[in-house]
Amino acid sequence: MKLNDMDLGEKKRVNVTVSSKLIADAKALGINVSQSAEEGLMKKVREAKGAQWLEENREALLAHNEWVKKHGTFGDRVRAWKKKHAAV
């Protein structure tokens, strides 16, 4: 998801500590520090939420994978049927 695609709500001023050299380099290169910080934080939040979702759903995912190992998928049955009934 891009920054523009996400409803971020109202902006809020916060204090952060960043290397003065890094800030100077960013400004010299025309990099918008606030936007870059927001994009970086959004990426970290997205990654953390993804990891949290995986952990919360780990048991269900493992159970599903075991079921597929044992029974296969619908696509497996369709391919087998097509192979068996293929027109010559």
N, C-alpha and C. Protein backbone atom coordinates (compact mmCIF):
# COMPACT_ATOMS: atom_id res chain seq x y z
N MET A 1 0.85 -1.17 0.00
CA MET A 1 0.00 0.00 0.00
C MET A 1 0.89 1.23 0.00
N LYS A 2 0.58 2.16 -0.85
CA LYS A 2 1.34 3.40 -0.93
C LYS A 2 0.86 4.37 0.13
N LEU A 3 1.71 5.33 0.43
CA LEU A 3 1.36 6.35 1.41
C LEU A 3 0.04 7.02 1.05
N ASN A 4 -0.16 7.35 -0.21
CA ASN A 4 -1.37 8.05 -0.64
C ASN A 4 -2.60 7.17 -0.59
N ASP A 5 -2.44 5.84 -0.56
CA ASP A 5 -3.57 4.92 -0.57
C ASP A 5 -4.14 4.67 0.82
N MET A 6 -3.45 5.11 1.83
CA MET A 6 -3.84 4.80 3.19
C MET A 6 -4.41 6.03 3.88
N ASP A 7 -5.52 5.88 4.59
CA ASP A 7 -6.09 6.98 5.36
C ASP A 7 -5.30 7.10 6.65
N LEU A 8 -4.48 8.12 6.74
CA LEU A 8 -3.60 8.29 7.90
C LEU A 8 -4.21 9.19 8.96
N GLY A 9 -5.32 9.80 8.66
CA GLY A 9 -5.93 10.68 9.63
C GLY A 9 -5.20 12.01 9.75
N GLU A 10 -5.48 12.68 10.82
CA GLU A 10 -4.92 14.01 11.07
C GLU A 10 -3.43 13.91 11.39
N LYS A 11 -2.68 14.90 10.95
CA LYS A 11 -1.25 14.97 11.24
C LYS A 11 -1.04 15.42 12.68
N LYS A 12 0.02 14.93 13.29
CA LYS A 12 0.35 15.32 14.66
C LYS A 12 1.84 15.60 14.73
N ARG A 13 2.19 16.68 15.37
CA ARG A 13 3.58 17.06 15.55
C ARG A 13 4.20 16.19 16.65
N VAL A 14 5.39 15.64 16.36
CA VAL A 14 6.10 14.84 17.36
C VAL A 14 7.58 15.25 17.35
N ASN A 15 8.26 14.97 18.42
CA ASN A 15 9.70 15.22 18.49
C ASN A 15 10.43 13.91 18.26
N VAL A 16 11.41 13.92 17.38
CA VAL A 16 12.25 12.76 17.16
C VAL A 16 13.70 13.21 17.21
N THR A 17 14.57 12.30 17.51
CA THR A 17 15.99 12.59 17.54
C THR A 17 16.64 11.91 16.34
N VAL A 18 17.25 12.71 15.48
CA VAL A 18 17.88 12.20 14.26
C VAL A 18 19.25 12.86 14.14
N SER A 19 20.18 12.13 13.61
CA SER A 19 21.53 12.66 13.41
C SER A 19 21.48 13.98 12.64
N SER A 20 22.17 14.99 13.15
CA SER A 20 22.18 16.31 12.49
C SER A 20 22.81 16.22 11.10
N LYS A 21 23.81 15.36 10.94
CA LYS A 21 24.44 15.18 9.62
C LYS A 21 23.43 14.57 8.64
N LEU A 22 22.67 13.61 9.11
CA LEU A 22 21.67 12.98 8.24
C LEU A 22 20.60 13.99 7.82
N ILE A 23 20.17 14.82 8.73
CA ILE A 23 19.17 15.85 8.41
C ILE A 23 19.75 16.84 7.41
N ALA A 24 20.98 17.27 7.62
CA ALA A 24 21.63 18.22 6.70
C ALA A 24 21.77 17.62 5.31
N ASP A 25 22.19 16.36 5.24
CA ASP A 25 22.32 15.69 3.94
C ASP A 25 20.97 15.57 3.25
N ALA A 26 19.94 15.21 4.00
CA ALA A 26 18.60 15.07 3.43
C ALA A 26 18.11 16.41 2.88
N LYS A 27 18.26 17.46 3.65
CA LYS A 27 17.83 18.78 3.20
C LYS A 27 18.61 19.22 1.96
N ALA A 28 19.92 18.96 1.95
CA ALA A 28 20.75 19.34 0.80
C ALA A 28 20.32 18.60 -0.46
N LEU A 29 19.78 17.40 -0.27
CA LEU A 29 19.35 16.60 -1.43
C LEU A 29 17.87 16.83 -1.76
N GLY A 30 17.22 17.72 -1.03
CA GLY A 30 15.82 18.02 -1.32
C GLY A 30 14.86 16.95 -0.83
N ILE A 31 15.28 16.16 0.13
CA ILE A 31 14.42 15.09 0.67
C ILE A 31 13.52 15.68 1.74
N ASN A 32 12.23 15.42 1.63
CA ASN A 32 11.26 15.87 2.62
C ASN A 32 11.38 14.94 3.84
N VAL A 33 11.94 15.48 4.92
CA VAL A 33 12.23 14.68 6.10
C VAL A 33 10.94 14.14 6.73
N SER A 34 9.94 14.97 6.86
CA SER A 34 8.68 14.53 7.49
C SER A 34 8.03 13.41 6.69
N GLN A 35 7.96 13.59 5.38
CA GLN A 35 7.35 12.56 4.52
C GLN A 35 8.16 11.27 4.58
N SER A 36 9.48 11.39 4.55
CA SER A 36 10.33 10.20 4.60
C SER A 36 10.17 9.46 5.92
N ALA A 37 10.09 10.21 7.01
CA ALA A 37 9.90 9.60 8.33
C ALA A 37 8.55 8.88 8.38
N GLU A 38 7.52 9.52 7.83
CA GLU A 38 6.19 8.92 7.84
C GLU A 38 6.18 7.64 6.99
N GLU A 39 6.82 7.68 5.83
CA GLU A 39 6.87 6.49 4.98
C GLU A 39 7.64 5.36 5.66
N GLY A 40 8.76 5.70 6.30
CA GLY A 40 9.54 4.69 7.01
C GLY A 40 8.79 4.08 8.17
N LEU A 41 8.09 4.93 8.93
CA LEU A 41 7.30 4.44 10.05
C LEU A 41 6.14 3.58 9.57
N MET A 42 5.52 4.00 8.45
CA MET A 42 4.42 3.21 7.90
C MET A 42 4.92 1.82 7.49
N LYS A 43 6.09 1.76 6.89
CA LYS A 43 6.66 0.47 6.49
C LYS A 43 6.88 -0.41 7.71
N LYS A 44 7.45 0.15 8.77
CA LYS A 44 7.70 -0.62 9.99
C LYS A 44 6.40 -1.10 10.62
N VAL A 45 5.38 -0.23 10.65
CA VAL A 45 4.09 -0.61 11.21
C VAL A 45 3.47 -1.74 10.38
N ARG A 46 3.52 -1.62 9.06
CA ARG A 46 2.98 -2.65 8.18
C ARG A 46 3.67 -3.99 8.41
N GLU A 47 5.01 -3.96 8.53
CA GLU A 47 5.78 -5.19 8.78
C GLU A 47 5.41 -5.80 10.13
N ALA A 48 5.29 -4.96 11.16
CA ALA A 48 4.96 -5.45 12.50
C ALA A 48 3.55 -6.03 12.52
N LYS A 49 2.61 -5.38 11.84
CA LYS A 49 1.24 -5.91 11.79
C LYS A 49 1.21 -7.24 11.03
N GLY A 50 2.00 -7.35 9.97
CA GLY A 50 2.07 -8.61 9.23
C GLY A 50 2.63 -9.73 10.08
N ALA A 51 3.69 -9.44 10.82
CA ALA A 51 4.29 -10.44 11.71
C ALA A 51 3.31 -10.83 12.82
N GLN A 52 2.59 -9.85 13.33
CA GLN A 52 1.60 -10.11 14.38
C GLN A 52 0.49 -11.00 13.83
N TRP A 53 0.01 -10.72 12.61
CA TRP A 53 -1.05 -11.52 12.00
C TRP A 53 -0.58 -12.96 11.81
N LEU A 54 0.66 -13.12 11.31
CA LEU A 54 1.18 -14.48 11.12
C LEU A 54 1.24 -15.24 12.44
N GLU A 55 1.70 -14.57 13.48
CA GLU A 55 1.78 -15.24 14.79
C GLU A 55 0.39 -15.60 15.30
N GLU A 56 -0.56 -14.69 15.17
CA GLU A 56 -1.92 -14.95 15.64
C GLU A 56 -2.60 -16.07 14.85
N ASN A 57 -2.20 -16.26 13.61
CA ASN A 57 -2.85 -17.25 12.74
C ASN A 57 -1.97 -18.47 12.45
N ARG A 58 -0.85 -18.58 13.15
CA ARG A 58 0.11 -19.66 12.91
C ARG A 58 -0.54 -21.04 12.98
N GLU A 59 -1.30 -21.30 14.04
CA GLU A 59 -1.91 -22.62 14.21
C GLU A 59 -2.86 -22.95 13.06
N ALA A 60 -3.67 -21.99 12.65
CA ALA A 60 -4.61 -22.23 11.56
C ALA A 60 -3.87 -22.49 10.25
N LEU A 61 -2.80 -21.73 10.01
CA LEU A 61 -2.02 -21.93 8.78
C LEU A 61 -1.35 -23.30 8.77
N LEU A 62 -0.80 -23.71 9.90
CA LEU A 62 -0.18 -25.04 9.99
C LEU A 62 -1.21 -26.14 9.79
N ALA A 63 -2.38 -25.98 10.39
CA ALA A 63 -3.45 -26.98 10.23
C ALA A 63 -3.89 -27.05 8.77
N HIS A 64 -4.02 -25.92 8.12
CA HIS A 64 -4.41 -25.90 6.70
C HIS A 64 -3.35 -26.61 5.86
N ASN A 65 -2.07 -26.30 6.11
CA ASN A 65 -1.01 -26.95 5.35
C ASN A 65 -1.01 -28.46 5.54
N GLU A 66 -1.27 -28.93 6.75
CA GLU A 66 -1.35 -30.37 7.01
C GLU A 66 -2.52 -30.99 6.25
N TRP A 67 -3.66 -30.28 6.23
CA TRP A 67 -4.83 -30.78 5.51
C TRP A 67 -4.51 -30.92 4.02
N VAL A 68 -3.85 -29.92 3.45
CA VAL A 68 -3.49 -29.96 2.03
C VAL A 68 -2.51 -31.10 1.76
N LYS A 69 -1.55 -31.32 2.66
CA LYS A 69 -0.62 -32.45 2.48
C LYS A 69 -1.37 -33.77 2.44
N LYS A 70 -2.37 -33.89 3.30
CA LYS A 70 -3.12 -35.14 3.41
C LYS A 70 -4.13 -35.32 2.28
N HIS A 71 -4.84 -34.26 1.92
CA HIS A 71 -5.95 -34.36 0.98
C HIS A 71 -5.69 -33.74 -0.38
N GLY A 72 -4.66 -32.95 -0.51
CA GLY A 72 -4.41 -32.24 -1.76
C GLY A 72 -5.33 -31.04 -1.90
N THR A 73 -5.27 -30.41 -3.06
CA THR A 73 -6.12 -29.24 -3.31
C THR A 73 -7.15 -29.57 -4.37
N PHE A 74 -8.14 -28.70 -4.51
CA PHE A 74 -9.14 -28.87 -5.56
C PHE A 74 -8.47 -28.90 -6.93
N GLY A 75 -7.46 -28.03 -7.11
CA GLY A 75 -6.74 -27.99 -8.38
C GLY A 75 -6.07 -29.31 -8.70
N ASP A 76 -5.58 -30.00 -7.68
CA ASP A 76 -4.97 -31.32 -7.90
C ASP A 76 -5.99 -32.29 -8.48
N ARG A 77 -7.20 -32.28 -7.94
CA ARG A 77 -8.26 -33.19 -8.43
C ARG A 77 -8.68 -32.83 -9.85
N VAL A 78 -8.76 -31.53 -10.14
CA VAL A 78 -9.14 -31.10 -11.49
C VAL A 78 -8.09 -31.54 -12.50
N ARG A 79 -6.82 -31.33 -12.18
CA ARG A 79 -5.74 -31.74 -13.09
C ARG A 79 -5.74 -33.25 -13.31
N ALA A 80 -5.97 -34.01 -12.24
CA ALA A 80 -6.02 -35.47 -12.37
C ALA A 80 -7.18 -35.89 -13.25
N TRP A 81 -8.36 -35.25 -13.07
CA TRP A 81 -9.52 -35.57 -13.88
C TRP A 81 -9.25 -35.24 -15.35
N LYS A 82 -8.67 -34.07 -15.62
CA LYS A 82 -8.37 -33.68 -17.00
C LYS A 82 -7.39 -34.65 -17.64
N LYS A 83 -6.39 -35.07 -16.88
CA LYS A 83 -5.41 -36.00 -17.43
C LYS A 83 -6.07 -37.34 -17.75
N LYS A 84 -6.95 -37.79 -16.89
CA LYS A 84 -7.63 -39.06 -17.09
C LYS A 84 -8.60 -39.00 -18.25
N HIS A 85 -9.25 -37.86 -18.45
CA HIS A 85 -10.30 -37.73 -19.46
C HIS A 85 -9.88 -36.90 -20.65
N ALA A 86 -8.62 -36.75 -20.86
CA ALA A 86 -8.13 -35.91 -21.96
C ALA A 86 -8.55 -36.49 -23.30
N ALA A 87 -9.00 -35.61 -24.18
CA ALA A 87 -9.37 -36.06 -25.53
C ALA A 87 -8.12 -36.31 -26.33
N VAL A 88 -8.14 -37.33 -27.15
CA VAL A 88 -6.98 -37.66 -27.96
C VAL A 88 -7.05 -37.00 -29.30
